C-alpha atoms as a PDB file:
ATOM      1  CA  UNK A   1       0.000   0.000   0.000  1.00  0.00           C
ATOM      2  CA  UNK A   2       1.148   3.500  -0.840  1.00  0.00           C
ATOM      3  CA  UNK A   3       0.092   6.076   1.749  1.00  0.00           C
ATOM      4  CA  UNK A   4      -0.732   9.574   0.493  1.00  0.00           C
ATOM      5  CA  UNK A   5      -1.618  12.681   2.501  1.00  0.00           C
ATOM      6  CA  UNK A   6      -3.565  15.581   1.017  1.00  0.00           C
ATOM      7  CA  UNK A   7      -2.927  18.808   2.964  1.00  0.00           C
ATOM      8  CA  UNK A   8      -4.989  21.927   2.385  1.00  0.00           C
ATOM      9  CA  UNK A   9      -6.585  25.006   3.921  1.00  0.00           C
ATOM     10  CA  UNK A  10      -9.773  26.294   2.341  1.00  0.00           C
ATOM     11  CA  UNK A  11     -12.029  29.233   3.181  1.00  0.00           C
ATOM     12  CA  UNK A  12     -14.267  29.340   0.121  1.00  0.00           C
ATOM     13  CA  UNK A  13     -14.155  25.594  -0.528  1.00  0.00           C
ATOM     14  CA  UNK A  14     -12.245  25.901  -3.818  1.00  0.00           C
ATOM     15  CA  UNK A  15      -9.047  24.206  -2.656  1.00  0.00           C
ATOM     16  CA  UNK A  16     -11.041  21.460  -0.978  1.00  0.00           C
ATOM     17  CA  UNK A  17     -12.797  20.818  -4.305  1.00  0.00           C
ATOM     18  CA  UNK A  18      -9.434  20.732  -6.082  1.00  0.00           C
ATOM     19  CA  UNK A  19      -8.004  18.325  -3.492  1.00  0.00           C
ATOM     20  CA  UNK A  20     -11.016  16.014  -3.851  1.00  0.00           C
ATOM     21  CA  UNK A  21     -10.732  16.084  -7.635  1.00  0.00           C
ATOM     22  CA  UNK A  22      -7.001  15.282  -7.682  1.00  0.00           C
ATOM     23  CA  UNK A  23      -7.614  12.561  -5.091  1.00  0.00           C
ATOM     24  CA  UNK A  24     -10.266  10.682  -7.117  1.00  0.00           C
ATOM     25  CA  UNK A  25      -7.860   8.390  -8.971  1.00  0.00           C
ATOM     26  CA  UNK A  26      -6.051   7.610  -5.702  1.00  0.00           C
ATOM     27  CA  UNK A  27      -9.332   6.719  -3.978  1.00  0.00           C
ATOM     28  CA  UNK A  28     -10.236   4.405  -6.868  1.00  0.00           C
ATOM     29  CA  UNK A  29      -6.895   2.576  -6.684  1.00  0.00           C
ATOM     30  CA  UNK A  30      -6.859  -0.383  -4.292  1.00  0.00           C
ATOM     31  CA  UNK A  31      -3.116   0.061  -3.736  1.00  0.00           C
ATOM     32  CA  UNK A  32      -3.564   3.544  -2.264  1.00  0.00           C
ATOM     33  CA  UNK A  33      -4.364   4.600   1.290  1.00  0.00           C
ATOM     34  CA  UNK A  34      -5.486   8.241   1.431  1.00  0.00           C
ATOM     35  CA  UNK A  35      -5.785  10.763   4.257  1.00  0.00           C
ATOM     36  CA  UNK A  36      -6.901  14.392   4.152  1.00  0.00           C
ATOM     37  CA  UNK A  37      -5.609  17.011   6.571  1.00  0.00           C
ATOM     38  CA  UNK A  38      -7.260  20.435   6.660  1.00  0.00           C
ATOM     39  CA  UNK A  39      -5.152  23.008   8.475  1.00  0.00           C
ATOM     40  CA  UNK A  40      -7.127  24.677  11.281  1.00  0.00           C
ATOM     41  CA  UNK A  41      -6.173  27.962  12.905  1.00  0.00           C
ATOM     42  CA  UNK A  42      -6.648  28.997  16.534  1.00  0.00           C
ATOM     43  CA  UNK A  43      -7.646  32.404  15.139  1.00  0.00           C
ATOM     44  CA  UNK A  44      -9.937  31.832  12.169  1.00  0.00           C
ATOM     45  CA  UNK A  45     -10.208  34.160   9.206  1.00  0.00           C
ATOM     46  CA  UNK A  46     -13.632  35.367   8.068  1.00  0.00           C
ATOM     47  CA  UNK A  47     -15.330  34.355   4.866  1.00  0.00           C
ATOM     48  CA  UNK A  48     -16.748  36.310   3.298  1.00  0.00           C
ATOM     49  CA  UNK A  49     -14.151  38.907   4.135  1.00  0.00           C
ATOM     50  CA  UNK A  50     -14.842  42.432   5.239  1.00  0.00           C
ATOM     51  CA  UNK A  51     -12.723  45.022   3.449  1.00  0.00           C
ATOM     52  CA  UNK A  52     -10.831  45.970   6.616  1.00  0.00           C
ATOM     53  CA  UNK A  53     -10.181  42.375   7.675  1.00  0.00           C
ATOM     54  CA  UNK A  54      -8.855  41.464   4.232  1.00  0.00           C
ATOM     55  CA  UNK A  55      -6.435  44.349   3.877  1.00  0.00           C
ATOM     56  CA  UNK A  56      -5.441  44.192   7.533  1.00  0.00           C
ATOM     57  CA  UNK A  57      -3.951  40.722   6.984  1.00  0.00           C
ATOM     58  CA  UNK A  58      -1.528  42.115   4.413  1.00  0.00           C
ATOM     59  CA  UNK A  59       1.574  42.988   6.514  1.00  0.00           C
ATOM     60  CA  UNK A  60       1.730  39.689   8.413  1.00  0.00           C
ATOM     61  CA  UNK A  61       0.925  37.694   5.272  1.00  0.00           C
ATOM     62  CA  UNK A  62       3.651  39.233   3.172  1.00  0.00           C
ATOM     63  CA  UNK A  63       6.242  39.166   5.954  1.00  0.00           C
ATOM     64  CA  UNK A  64       5.321  35.497   6.540  1.00  0.00           C
ATOM     65  CA  UNK A  65       4.620  35.965  10.242  1.00  0.00           C
ATOM     66  CA  UNK A  66       2.996  32.744  11.512  1.00  0.00           C
ATOM     67  CA  UNK A  67       0.052  32.331  13.859  1.00  0.00           C
ATOM     68  CA  UNK A  68      -0.874  29.387  16.063  1.00  0.00           C
ATOM     69  CA  UNK A  69      -2.514  26.373  14.427  1.00  0.00           C
ATOM     70  CA  UNK A  70      -4.549  23.607  16.032  1.00  0.00           C
ATOM     71  CA  UNK A  71      -2.686  20.282  16.304  1.00  0.00           C
ATOM     72  CA  UNK A  72      -3.089  17.901  13.352  1.00  0.00           C
ATOM     73  CA  UNK A  73      -4.996  14.660  14.049  1.00  0.00           C
ATOM     74  CA  UNK A  74      -2.901  11.924  15.709  1.00  0.00           C
ATOM     75  CA  UNK A  75      -3.231   9.621  12.677  1.00  0.00           C
ATOM     76  CA  UNK A  76      -1.733  12.271  10.405  1.00  0.00           C
ATOM     77  CA  UNK A  77       1.146  12.825  12.807  1.00  0.00           C
ATOM     78  CA  UNK A  78       1.871   9.114  13.228  1.00  0.00           C
ATOM     79  CA  UNK A  79       1.566   7.824   9.632  1.00  0.00           C
ATOM     80  CA  UNK A  80       4.655   7.465   7.459  1.00  0.00           C
ATOM     81  CA  UNK A  81       3.426   8.749   4.090  1.00  0.00           C
ATOM     82  CA  UNK A  82       4.965   7.880   0.734  1.00  0.00           C
ATOM     83  CA  UNK A  83       3.768  11.147  -0.841  1.00  0.00           C
ATOM     84  CA  UNK A  84       2.274  14.415   0.345  1.00  0.00           C
ATOM     85  CA  UNK A  85       0.157  16.529  -1.987  1.00  0.00           C
ATOM     86  CA  UNK A  86       0.173  20.022  -0.541  1.00  0.00           C
ATOM     87  CA  UNK A  87      -2.541  22.479  -1.638  1.00  0.00           C
ATOM     88  CA  UNK A  88      -2.168  26.173  -0.920  1.00  0.00           C
ATOM     89  CA  UNK A  89      -3.614  29.546  -1.858  1.00  0.00           C
ATOM     90  CA  UNK A  90      -1.844  32.839  -2.487  1.00  0.00           C
ATOM     91  CA  UNK A  91      -2.522  35.904  -0.353  1.00  0.00           C
ATOM     92  CA  UNK A  92      -0.642  39.072  -1.302  1.00  0.00           C
ATOM     93  CA  UNK A  93       1.793  37.227  -3.608  1.00  0.00           C
ATOM     94  CA  UNK A  94       2.688  34.913  -0.693  1.00  0.00           C
ATOM     95  CA  UNK A  95       1.462  31.590   0.698  1.00  0.00           C
ATOM     96  CA  UNK A  96      -1.515  32.358   2.948  1.00  0.00           C
ATOM     97  CA  UNK A  97      -1.128  32.818   6.696  1.00  0.00           C
ATOM     98  CA  UNK A  98      -2.575  29.355   7.514  1.00  0.00           C
ATOM     99  CA  UNK A  99      -0.186  27.652   5.063  1.00  0.00           C
ATOM    100  CA  UNK A 100       2.797  29.640   6.275  1.00  0.00           C
ATOM    101  CA  UNK A 101       1.780  29.003   9.905  1.00  0.00           C
ATOM    102  CA  UNK A 102       1.670  25.238   9.384  1.00  0.00           C
ATOM    103  CA  UNK A 103       5.023  25.198   7.586  1.00  0.00           C
ATOM    104  CA  UNK A 104       6.597  27.161  10.449  1.00  0.00           C
ATOM    105  CA  UNK A 105       4.901  25.109  13.168  1.00  0.00           C
ATOM    106  CA  UNK A 106       6.470  22.457  15.383  1.00  0.00           C
ATOM    107  CA  UNK A 107       4.522  19.787  13.471  1.00  0.00           C
ATOM    108  CA  UNK A 108       5.735  20.481   9.949  1.00  0.00           C
ATOM    109  CA  UNK A 109       9.245  19.041  10.066  1.00  0.00           C
ATOM    110  CA  UNK A 110       8.106  15.769  11.647  1.00  0.00           C
ATOM    111  CA  UNK A 111       5.438  15.382   8.943  1.00  0.00           C
ATOM    112  CA  UNK A 112       7.409  16.574   5.909  1.00  0.00           C
ATOM    113  CA  UNK A 113      11.078  15.699   6.455  1.00  0.00           C
ATOM    114  CA  UNK A 114      12.322  13.273   3.817  1.00  0.00           C
ATOM    115  CA  UNK A 115       8.953  13.181   2.051  1.00  0.00           C
ATOM    116  CA  UNK A 116       8.316  13.826  -1.662  1.00  0.00           C
ATOM    117  CA  UNK A 117       5.906  16.733  -2.098  1.00  0.00           C
ATOM    118  CA  UNK A 118       3.671  17.819  -4.970  1.00  0.00           C
ATOM    119  CA  UNK A 119       2.444  21.389  -4.511  1.00  0.00           C
ATOM    120  CA  UNK A 120      -0.900  22.492  -5.949  1.00  0.00           C
ATOM    121  CA  UNK A 121      -1.839  26.161  -5.802  1.00  0.00           C
ATOM    122  CA  UNK A 122      -5.232  27.675  -6.471  1.00  0.00           C
ATOM    123  CA  UNK A 123      -4.922  31.405  -7.096  1.00  0.00           C
ATOM    124  CA  UNK A 124      -6.239  34.326  -9.100  1.00  0.00           C
ATOM    125  CA  UNK A 125      -3.228  34.387 -11.408  1.00  0.00           C
ATOM    126  CA  UNK A 126       0.002  35.506  -9.706  1.00  0.00           C
ATOM    127  CA  UNK A 127       1.493  32.383  -8.138  1.00  0.00           C
ATOM    128  CA  UNK A 128       5.110  32.357  -9.307  1.00  0.00           C
ATOM    129  CA  UNK A 129       6.957  34.100  -6.482  1.00  0.00           C
ATOM    130  CA  UNK A 130       4.661  32.499  -3.908  1.00  0.00           C
ATOM    131  CA  UNK A 131       5.889  29.149  -5.246  1.00  0.00           C
ATOM    132  CA  UNK A 132       9.494  30.295  -4.762  1.00  0.00           C
ATOM    133  CA  UNK A 133       8.607  31.050  -1.132  1.00  0.00           C
ATOM    134  CA  UNK A 134       6.965  27.628  -0.789  1.00  0.00           C
ATOM    135  CA  UNK A 135      10.149  25.980  -2.027  1.00  0.00           C
ATOM    136  CA  UNK A 136      12.132  27.664   0.731  1.00  0.00           C
ATOM    137  CA  UNK A 137       9.614  26.639   3.397  1.00  0.00           C
ATOM    138  CA  UNK A 138       9.608  23.033   2.166  1.00  0.00           C
ATOM    139  CA  UNK A 139      13.412  22.902   2.032  1.00  0.00           C
ATOM    140  CA  UNK A 140      13.571  24.270   5.580  1.00  0.00           C
ATOM    141  CA  UNK A 141      11.426  21.329   6.661  1.00  0.00           C
ATOM    142  CA  UNK A 142      13.587  18.804   4.834  1.00  0.00           C
ATOM    143  CA  UNK A 143      10.982  17.950   2.201  1.00  0.00           C
ATOM    144  CA  UNK A 144      11.693  17.216  -1.468  1.00  0.00           C
ATOM    145  CA  UNK A 145       9.588  18.988  -4.090  1.00  0.00           C
ATOM    146  CA  UNK A 146       8.881  16.574  -6.953  1.00  0.00           C
ATOM    147  CA  UNK A 147       6.049  18.344  -8.786  1.00  0.00           C
ATOM    148  CA  UNK A 148       4.068  21.558  -8.998  1.00  0.00           C
ATOM    149  CA  UNK A 149       0.607  22.357 -10.360  1.00  0.00           C
ATOM    150  CA  UNK A 150      -0.619  25.973 -10.547  1.00  0.00           C
ATOM    151  CA  UNK A 151      -4.361  26.323 -11.129  1.00  0.00           C
ATOM    152  CA  UNK A 152      -5.509  29.864 -11.866  1.00  0.00           C
ATOM    153  CA  UNK A 153      -8.360  32.053 -13.011  1.00  0.00           C
ATOM    154  CA  UNK A 154      -7.499  32.248 -16.708  1.00  0.00           C
ATOM    155  CA  UNK A 155      -9.547  35.373 -17.472  1.00  0.00           C
ATOM    156  CA  UNK A 156      -7.890  38.725 -18.160  1.00  0.00           C
ATOM    157  CA  UNK A 157      -6.083  40.238 -15.181  1.00  0.00           C
ATOM    158  CA  UNK A 158      -8.333  43.305 -14.920  1.00  0.00           C
ATOM    159  CA  UNK A 159     -11.480  41.195 -15.188  1.00  0.00           C
ATOM    160  CA  UNK A 160     -10.414  38.633 -12.602  1.00  0.00           C
ATOM    161  CA  UNK A 161      -9.750  41.428 -10.088  1.00  0.00           C
ATOM    162  CA  UNK A 162     -13.405  42.478 -10.257  1.00  0.00           C
ATOM    163  CA  UNK A 163     -14.757  38.939  -9.996  1.00  0.00           C
ATOM    164  CA  UNK A 164     -12.470  37.785  -7.173  1.00  0.00           C
ATOM    165  CA  UNK A 165     -13.249  40.880  -5.084  1.00  0.00           C
ATOM    166  CA  UNK A 166     -16.980  40.251  -5.510  1.00  0.00           C
ATOM    167  CA  UNK A 167     -16.473  36.630  -4.398  1.00  0.00           C
ATOM    168  CA  UNK A 168     -14.312  37.500  -1.400  1.00  0.00           C
ATOM    169  CA  UNK A 169     -16.696  40.127  -0.057  1.00  0.00           C
ATOM    170  CA  UNK A 170     -19.999  38.420  -0.918  1.00  0.00           C
ATOM    171  CA  UNK A 171     -19.023  34.816  -0.209  1.00  0.00           C
ATOM    172  CA  UNK A 172     -20.866  33.737  -3.363  1.00  0.00           C
ATOM    173  CA  UNK A 173     -19.168  32.382  -6.470  1.00  0.00           C
ATOM    174  CA  UNK A 174     -21.352  34.132  -9.032  1.00  0.00           C
ATOM    175  CA  UNK A 175     -21.265  36.264 -12.153  1.00  0.00           C
ATOM    176  CA  UNK A 176     -20.436  39.690 -10.710  1.00  0.00           C
ATOM    177  CA  UNK A 177     -22.959  42.340 -11.784  1.00  0.00           C
ATOM    178  CA  UNK A 178     -24.695  39.697 -13.871  1.00  0.00           C
ATOM    179  CA  UNK A 179     -22.333  39.677 -16.864  1.00  0.00           C
ATOM    180  CA  UNK A 180     -18.760  39.025 -15.656  1.00  0.00           C
ATOM    181  CA  UNK A 181     -17.471  35.430 -15.744  1.00  0.00           C
ATOM    182  CA  UNK A 182     -17.497  33.388 -12.551  1.00  0.00           C
ATOM    183  CA  UNK A 183     -14.426  33.964 -10.356  1.00  0.00           C
ATOM    184  CA  UNK A 184     -11.616  31.609  -9.471  1.00  0.00           C
ATOM    185  CA  UNK A 185     -10.435  28.420 -11.096  1.00  0.00           C
ATOM    186  CA  UNK A 186     -13.119  27.281 -13.541  1.00  0.00           C
ATOM    187  CA  UNK A 187     -15.430  24.417 -12.566  1.00  0.00           C
ATOM    188  CA  UNK A 188     -14.320  22.539 -15.664  1.00  0.00           C
ATOM    189  CA  UNK A 189     -10.669  22.802 -14.652  1.00  0.00           C
ATOM    190  CA  UNK A 190     -11.413  21.799 -11.055  1.00  0.00           C
ATOM    191  CA  UNK A 191     -13.351  18.725 -12.131  1.00  0.00           C
ATOM    192  CA  UNK A 192     -10.691  17.890 -14.700  1.00  0.00           C
ATOM    193  CA  UNK A 193      -7.885  18.058 -12.124  1.00  0.00           C
ATOM    194  CA  UNK A 194      -8.193  14.303 -11.619  1.00  0.00           C
ATOM    195  CA  UNK A 195      -5.949  14.000 -14.680  1.00  0.00           C
ATOM    196  CA  UNK A 196      -3.045  15.144 -12.517  1.00  0.00           C
ATOM    197  CA  UNK A 197      -3.758  12.379 -10.020  1.00  0.00           C
ATOM    198  CA  UNK A 198      -3.672   9.856 -12.851  1.00  0.00           C
ATOM    199  CA  UNK A 199      -0.279  11.195 -13.935  1.00  0.00           C
ATOM    200  CA  UNK A 200       1.189  11.103 -10.412  1.00  0.00           C
ATOM    201  CA  UNK A 201       0.136   7.556  -9.458  1.00  0.00           C
ATOM    202  CA  UNK A 202       2.531   5.578 -11.721  1.00  0.00           C
ATOM    203  CA  UNK A 203       5.496   7.613 -10.453  1.00  0.00           C
ATOM    204  CA  UNK A 204       4.403   7.005  -6.867  1.00  0.00           C
ATOM    205  CA  UNK A 205       4.117   3.252  -7.442  1.00  0.00           C
ATOM    206  CA  UNK A 206       7.641   3.174  -8.867  1.00  0.00           C
ATOM    207  CA  UNK A 207       8.927   5.407  -6.094  1.00  0.00           C
ATOM    208  CA  UNK A 208      10.788   7.476  -8.677  1.00  0.00           C
ATOM    209  CA  UNK A 209       9.567  10.958  -9.618  1.00  0.00           C
ATOM    210  CA  UNK A 210      12.029  11.852 -12.385  1.00  0.00           C
ATOM    211  CA  UNK A 211      10.019  13.136 -15.335  1.00  0.00           C
ATOM    212  CA  UNK A 212       6.863  13.819 -13.327  1.00  0.00           C
ATOM    213  CA  UNK A 213       7.003  17.607 -13.626  1.00  0.00           C
ATOM    214  CA  UNK A 214       7.583  17.469 -17.366  1.00  0.00           C
ATOM    215  CA  UNK A 215       4.506  15.273 -17.799  1.00  0.00           C
ATOM    216  CA  UNK A 216       2.418  17.529 -15.550  1.00  0.00           C
ATOM    217  CA  UNK A 217       3.417  20.585 -17.587  1.00  0.00           C
ATOM    218  CA  UNK A 218       2.544  18.819 -20.829  1.00  0.00           C
ATOM    219  CA  UNK A 219      -0.926  18.209 -19.337  1.00  0.00           C
ATOM    220  CA  UNK A 220      -1.371  21.929 -18.623  1.00  0.00           C
ATOM    221  CA  UNK A 221      -0.305  22.082 -14.975  1.00  0.00           C
ATOM    222  CA  UNK A 222       1.610  25.354 -15.335  1.00  0.00           C
ATOM    223  CA  UNK A 223       0.600  28.383 -17.381  1.00  0.00           C
ATOM    224  CA  UNK A 224       3.598  30.748 -17.504  1.00  0.00           C
ATOM    225  CA  UNK A 225       2.689  34.311 -18.495  1.00  0.00           C
ATOM    226  CA  UNK A 226       5.602  36.710 -18.704  1.00  0.00           C
ATOM    227  CA  UNK A 227       3.581  39.800 -17.797  1.00  0.00           C
ATOM    228  CA  UNK A 228       2.092  38.262 -14.656  1.00  0.00           C
ATOM    229  CA  UNK A 229       5.504  37.161 -13.411  1.00  0.00           C
ATOM    230  CA  UNK A 230       6.833  40.651 -14.099  1.00  0.00           C
ATOM    231  CA  UNK A 231       3.961  42.207 -12.112  1.00  0.00           C
ATOM    232  CA  UNK A 232       4.549  39.638  -9.367  1.00  0.00           C
ATOM    233  CA  UNK A 233       8.183  40.735  -9.104  1.00  0.00           C
ATOM    234  CA  UNK A 234       7.322  44.429  -9.043  1.00  0.00           C
ATOM    235  CA  UNK A 235       4.508  43.819  -6.567  1.00  0.00           C
ATOM    236  CA  UNK A 236       6.857  41.971  -4.218  1.00  0.00           C
ATOM    237  CA  UNK A 237       9.238  44.918  -4.170  1.00  0.00           C
ATOM    238  CA  UNK A 238       6.464  47.386  -3.350  1.00  0.00           C
ATOM    239  CA  UNK A 239       4.754  45.059  -0.867  1.00  0.00           C
ATOM    240  CA  UNK A 240       8.039  44.686   1.018  1.00  0.00           C
ATOM    241  CA  UNK A 241       8.154  48.464   1.488  1.00  0.00           C
ATOM    242  CA  UNK A 242       4.484  48.785   2.435  1.00  0.00           C
ATOM    243  CA  UNK A 243       4.417  45.849   4.860  1.00  0.00           C
ATOM    244  CA  UNK A 244       7.546  47.068   6.650  1.00  0.00           C
ATOM    245  CA  UNK A 245       6.110  50.584   6.901  1.00  0.00           C
ATOM    246  CA  UNK A 246       2.838  49.363   8.421  1.00  0.00           C
ATOM    247  CA  UNK A 247       4.508  47.002  10.908  1.00  0.00           C
ATOM    248  CA  UNK A 248       6.944  49.703  12.042  1.00  0.00           C
ATOM    249  CA  UNK A 249       4.082  52.105  12.789  1.00  0.00           C
ATOM    250  CA  UNK A 250       1.448  50.207  14.815  1.00  0.00           C
ATOM    251  CA  UNK A 251      -0.176  53.415  16.081  1.00  0.00           C
ATOM    252  CA  UNK A 252      -0.851  54.449  12.469  1.00  0.00           C
ATOM    253  CA  UNK A 253      -1.740  50.985  11.230  1.00  0.00           C
ATOM    254  CA  UNK A 254      -5.404  51.548  10.397  1.00  0.00           C
ATOM    255  CA  UNK A 255      -4.648  54.705   8.402  1.00  0.00           C
ATOM    256  CA  UNK A 256      -1.715  53.133   6.558  1.00  0.00           C
ATOM    257  CA  UNK A 257      -3.730  50.003   5.706  1.00  0.00           C
ATOM    258  CA  UNK A 258      -6.445  52.264   4.287  1.00  0.00           C
ATOM    259  CA  UNK A 259      -3.915  54.108   2.117  1.00  0.00           C
ATOM    260  CA  UNK A 260      -2.416  50.793   1.021  1.00  0.00           C
ATOM    261  CA  UNK A 261      -5.859  49.641  -0.173  1.00  0.00           C
ATOM    262  CA  UNK A 262      -6.108  52.589  -2.548  1.00  0.00           C
ATOM    263  CA  UNK A 263      -2.514  52.052  -3.669  1.00  0.00           C
ATOM    264  CA  UNK A 264      -3.373  48.467  -4.690  1.00  0.00           C
ATOM    265  CA  UNK A 265      -6.349  49.629  -6.757  1.00  0.00           C
ATOM    266  CA  UNK A 266      -4.239  52.302  -8.446  1.00  0.00           C
ATOM    267  CA  UNK A 267      -1.413  49.836  -9.156  1.00  0.00           C
ATOM    268  CA  UNK A 268      -3.767  47.324 -10.767  1.00  0.00           C
ATOM    269  CA  UNK A 269      -5.814  49.702 -12.896  1.00  0.00           C
ATOM    270  CA  UNK A 270      -3.397  52.607 -13.369  1.00  0.00           C
ATOM    271  CA  UNK A 271       0.126  51.204 -13.458  1.00  0.00           C
ATOM    272  CA  UNK A 272      -0.235  47.611 -14.688  1.00  0.00           C
ATOM    273  CA  UNK A 273      -1.757  48.434 -18.136  1.00  0.00           C
ATOM    274  CA  UNK A 274       1.133  50.822 -18.861  1.00  0.00           C
ATOM    275  CA  UNK A 275       3.726  48.287 -17.742  1.00  0.00           C
ATOM    276  CA  UNK A 276       2.039  45.626 -19.870  1.00  0.00           C
ATOM    277  CA  UNK A 277       2.235  47.752 -23.034  1.00  0.00           C
ATOM    278  CA  UNK A 278       5.907  48.559 -22.425  1.00  0.00           C
ATOM    279  CA  UNK A 279       6.848  44.923 -21.816  1.00  0.00           C
ATOM    280  CA  UNK A 280       4.789  43.737 -24.777  1.00  0.00           C
ATOM    281  CA  UNK A 281       6.741  46.165 -26.989  1.00  0.00           C
ATOM    282  CA  UNK A 282      10.053  44.906 -25.551  1.00  0.00           C
ATOM    283  CA  UNK A 283       9.054  41.235 -25.594  1.00  0.00           C
ATOM    284  CA  UNK A 284      11.324  40.122 -28.496  1.00  0.00           C
ATOM    285  CA  UNK A 285      14.370  41.473 -26.664  1.00  0.00           C
ATOM    286  CA  UNK A 286      13.336  40.465 -23.151  1.00  0.00           C
ATOM    287  CA  UNK A 287      12.504  36.927 -24.267  1.00  0.00           C
ATOM    288  CA  UNK A 288      16.174  36.106 -24.759  1.00  0.00           C
ATOM    289  CA  UNK A 289      17.397  38.195 -21.821  1.00  0.00           C
ATOM    290  CA  UNK A 290      14.807  37.127 -19.262  1.00  0.00           C
ATOM    291  CA  UNK A 291      11.584  35.340 -20.184  1.00  0.00           C
ATOM    292  CA  UNK A 292      13.049  32.127 -21.605  1.00  0.00           C
ATOM    293  CA  UNK A 293      14.928  31.379 -18.360  1.00  0.00           C
ATOM    294  CA  UNK A 294      11.918  32.391 -16.282  1.00  0.00           C
ATOM    295  CA  UNK A 295       9.683  29.999 -18.195  1.00  0.00           C
ATOM    296  CA  UNK A 296      12.114  27.140 -17.620  1.00  0.00           C
ATOM    297  CA  UNK A 297      12.335  28.024 -13.924  1.00  0.00           C
ATOM    298  CA  UNK A 298       8.590  28.160 -13.240  1.00  0.00           C
ATOM    299  CA  UNK A 299       7.736  25.147 -15.365  1.00  0.00           C
ATOM    300  CA  UNK A 300      10.348  23.167 -13.464  1.00  0.00           C
ATOM    301  CA  UNK A 301      10.696  22.352  -9.782  1.00  0.00           C
END
């Protein structure tokens, strides 16, 4: 029997749906023993979000400051798994506070050390630098990354901002204002994520994961978009400044968080279209100087 652990945290239910979809082929295989572990926080986060609560999580999220988690179930702590499939979401270009808190908890190293890991992210669209941060957290815990799947909202960046905000603040996955597309990873892609489970199982049975990531990418597991990675990089630089400023000034926190909210809106709708046009114009040159290596990096592990 091969023992597999699916780890996730889910507010809206999207990552839980993705985990269940990827797990279907494992559950149908008599040689597989499957457990699910949902990370639980001592301090829970609201869903739907209020505007203040959402933006107020920004500094600690980006600076990767952990909070206390509830202990995992004894079975999860005691079982020696052959593979861990780790689902996570991106908050502020960074693994979410619950994910970061687990990976920095006293439980993580005992559970992950020496284990092969496949990461699966469910995000709006900017996941690349969050995955780099995940790699560091996994390495710190002695885990070995053997595969990565990045599921995203594939609609235009400016459209997906509107739809994801409506979802976060209403709690309903609907067509915003009656004519926008539904937010998040599409239902078709979620239900079709079982194909990744089917790809992973033969590698798990052999106990050798060489070639797994290449096959996952060929099946559509990673969608590299040069502009989104570029915005991710620029956003990380600005978020580092903003998060440090807010944390250094606790007495002014509420005011600074409010200003930051308007900065984010301006950056998305005012700055990003200009940056996109400039980088699109320079694409032939930047492809050889930058984008080709980036694509190889983010399609790999």
